Every structure is written in structure tokens, then in C-alpha cells.
């Protein structure tokens, strides 16, 4: 994902966009396996994951309904976003299938986005 030099209204949109794109790649690679792991990991929090990463719905075509759509103006704080992304990464990556993100022009990222990236990269689980 490429970060823009102009400030955005949504400080984490660049990070979220990068992770949202991963869902499209998973759909092609290991959809049934990853979908089952996501379902087990997130359980009742699945709707939160879907709000954050709408492309998760491509892994669960049978679950998408109008009730799961995000309402305009709904927001999550940076800690919640970070925690959900961390859980997502733990599910979709492994030593056999690592996740690699290319974050272009990261010098334009704001401090909130950098904190989330740092937390995810520092995870030892």
C-alpha cells in the first residue's frame, strides 16, 4: 500500500487498506482453511472484523447479509483496530505462509498508523 503525503481524515486508512487487500489474496490461496480459522478466532467478534476489513466477506460469501454492513460514521479507536489486526495477522500468517506487506512512502504515515505497524511487527506470538 502507498501512503499519501496529504493528511487524511482517517489516520489508519492506509494500514487498514493494506490488510483489507490481503483478504483478496487469501480468497485465491487458502479460503476454506483460513475462513475456518478466522471463524474460530473471532467468534462473536466477527462483525467487528467485518466492519474493519470489509473484504473479509469474500471468505464468507454465505454469511454476508445487509445486517452486517457498516453504518456510516461508525468508528473504532486505534487500540481496537490494532488488536483486531494483530489477531487477523496471527490467523492468516504462519511460518509456512508468511504475510508480507509493502508499505510504500511510509514516511507520510501518521504517528497512529506507525504505532499500529510497530505493534504488529513487534508481536512475538
Protein backbone atom coordinates (compact mmCIF):
# COMPACT_ATOMS: atom_id res chain seq x y z
CA UNK A 1 0.00 0.00 0.00
CA UNK A 2 1.17 3.53 -0.70
CA UNK A 3 0.87 6.26 1.93
CA UNK A 4 -0.03 9.74 0.70
CA UNK A 5 1.76 12.94 1.74
CA UNK A 6 -1.54 14.72 2.33
CA UNK A 7 -3.13 14.18 5.74
CA UNK A 8 -6.23 12.01 5.69
CA UNK A 9 -9.43 12.26 7.64
CA UNK A 10 -8.98 8.64 8.74
CA UNK A 11 -5.46 8.19 10.12
CA UNK A 12 -5.42 4.38 9.89
CA UNK A 13 -6.93 4.10 6.42
CA UNK A 14 -3.59 3.22 4.79
CA UNK A 15 -2.87 0.40 7.22
CA UNK A 16 -6.42 -0.93 7.07
CA UNK A 17 -6.39 -0.80 3.27
CA UNK A 18 -3.22 -2.90 3.14
CA UNK A 19 -4.76 -5.59 5.36
CA UNK A 20 -8.06 -5.43 3.50
CA UNK A 21 -6.22 -6.29 0.28
CA UNK A 22 -4.79 -9.44 1.91
CA UNK A 23 -8.31 -10.88 2.03
CA UNK A 24 -8.47 -10.91 -1.77
CA UNK A 25 -5.21 -12.88 -1.90
CA UNK A 26 -6.42 -15.36 0.72
CA UNK A 27 -9.58 -15.97 -1.31
CA UNK A 28 -7.43 -17.32 -4.12
CA UNK A 29 -4.95 -19.24 -1.93
CA UNK A 30 -6.47 -20.93 1.12
CA UNK A 31 -10.04 -19.71 1.54
CA UNK A 32 -11.58 -22.72 3.38
CA UNK A 33 -8.69 -23.19 5.80
CA UNK A 34 -8.30 -19.52 6.66
CA UNK A 35 -12.05 -18.94 6.83
CA UNK A 36 -12.42 -21.70 9.43
CA UNK A 37 -9.52 -20.31 11.47
CA UNK A 38 -10.95 -16.78 11.35
CA UNK A 39 -14.37 -18.05 12.40
CA UNK A 40 -12.81 -19.90 15.36
CA UNK A 41 -10.59 -16.98 16.42
CA UNK A 42 -13.10 -14.17 16.13
CA UNK A 43 -16.37 -15.89 17.06
CA UNK A 44 -18.74 -13.21 18.29
CA UNK A 45 -16.20 -10.52 17.29
CA UNK A 46 -16.54 -11.47 13.63
CA UNK A 47 -18.80 -8.47 12.97
CA UNK A 48 -16.04 -6.17 14.27
CA UNK A 49 -13.57 -7.76 11.88
CA UNK A 50 -16.03 -7.36 9.02
CA UNK A 51 -16.52 -3.68 9.90
CA UNK A 52 -12.77 -3.13 9.88
CA UNK A 53 -11.92 -5.27 6.84
CA UNK A 54 -14.97 -5.48 4.56
CA UNK A 55 -13.08 -7.74 2.14
CA UNK A 56 -13.23 -10.50 4.77
CA UNK A 57 -16.70 -11.06 3.34
CA UNK A 58 -15.14 -12.67 0.23
CA UNK A 59 -14.01 -15.50 2.50
CA UNK A 60 -17.54 -15.98 3.86
CA UNK A 61 -19.96 -15.48 0.97
CA UNK A 62 -22.66 -17.42 2.84
CA UNK A 63 -22.54 -15.04 5.83
CA UNK A 64 -22.82 -11.69 4.10
CA UNK A 65 -26.14 -10.04 4.79
CA UNK A 66 -27.38 -6.44 4.87
CA UNK A 67 -27.34 -6.61 8.69
CA UNK A 68 -23.54 -6.91 8.64
CA UNK A 69 -22.95 -3.81 6.55
CA UNK A 70 -21.11 -0.95 8.21
CA UNK A 71 -23.15 2.11 9.05
CA UNK A 72 -21.63 5.41 8.04
CA UNK A 73 -19.96 7.15 10.93
CA UNK A 74 -19.19 4.02 12.92
CA UNK A 75 -15.63 4.22 14.12
CA UNK A 76 -13.20 2.18 16.17
CA UNK A 77 -10.40 3.54 18.29
CA UNK A 78 -6.76 2.86 17.36
CA UNK A 79 -6.29 0.27 20.11
CA UNK A 80 -9.29 -1.74 18.90
CA UNK A 81 -8.06 -1.56 15.32
CA UNK A 82 -4.58 -2.64 16.38
CA UNK A 83 -5.91 -5.57 18.42
CA UNK A 84 -8.17 -6.79 15.60
CA UNK A 85 -5.39 -6.51 13.01
CA UNK A 86 -2.99 -8.35 15.30
CA UNK A 87 -5.47 -11.20 15.74
CA UNK A 88 -6.08 -11.24 11.98
CA UNK A 89 -2.35 -11.47 11.22
CA UNK A 90 -1.91 -14.29 13.73
CA UNK A 91 -4.59 -16.28 11.90
CA UNK A 92 -3.62 -15.63 8.29
CA UNK A 93 0.15 -15.90 8.65
CA UNK A 94 2.38 -18.80 9.59
CA UNK A 95 6.00 -19.82 9.04
CA UNK A 96 4.80 -21.75 6.00
CA UNK A 97 2.61 -18.89 4.70
CA UNK A 98 4.05 -15.59 5.95
CA UNK A 99 2.28 -12.31 5.31
CA UNK A 100 4.35 -9.64 3.65
CA UNK A 101 3.15 -6.08 3.38
CA UNK A 102 4.79 -3.49 1.18
CA UNK A 103 4.19 -0.08 2.68
CA UNK A 104 5.41 2.50 0.20
CA UNK A 105 6.18 6.07 1.30
CA UNK A 106 5.74 5.14 4.95
CA UNK A 107 7.38 8.43 5.91
CA UNK A 108 3.97 10.00 5.20
CA UNK A 109 2.19 7.78 7.70
CA UNK A 110 0.94 9.50 10.83
CA UNK A 111 2.00 8.50 14.34
CA UNK A 112 -1.13 6.42 14.94
CA UNK A 113 -0.52 4.32 11.83
CA UNK A 114 3.15 3.93 12.77
CA UNK A 115 2.20 2.78 16.27
CA UNK A 116 -0.13 0.12 14.85
CA UNK A 117 2.51 -1.06 12.37
CA UNK A 118 5.12 -1.19 15.14
CA UNK A 119 2.83 -3.20 17.41
CA UNK A 120 2.08 -5.75 14.70
CA UNK A 121 5.73 -6.08 13.69
CA UNK A 122 6.78 -6.47 17.33
CA UNK A 123 4.35 -9.30 18.04
CA UNK A 124 6.15 -12.42 19.19
CA UNK A 125 3.27 -14.91 19.19
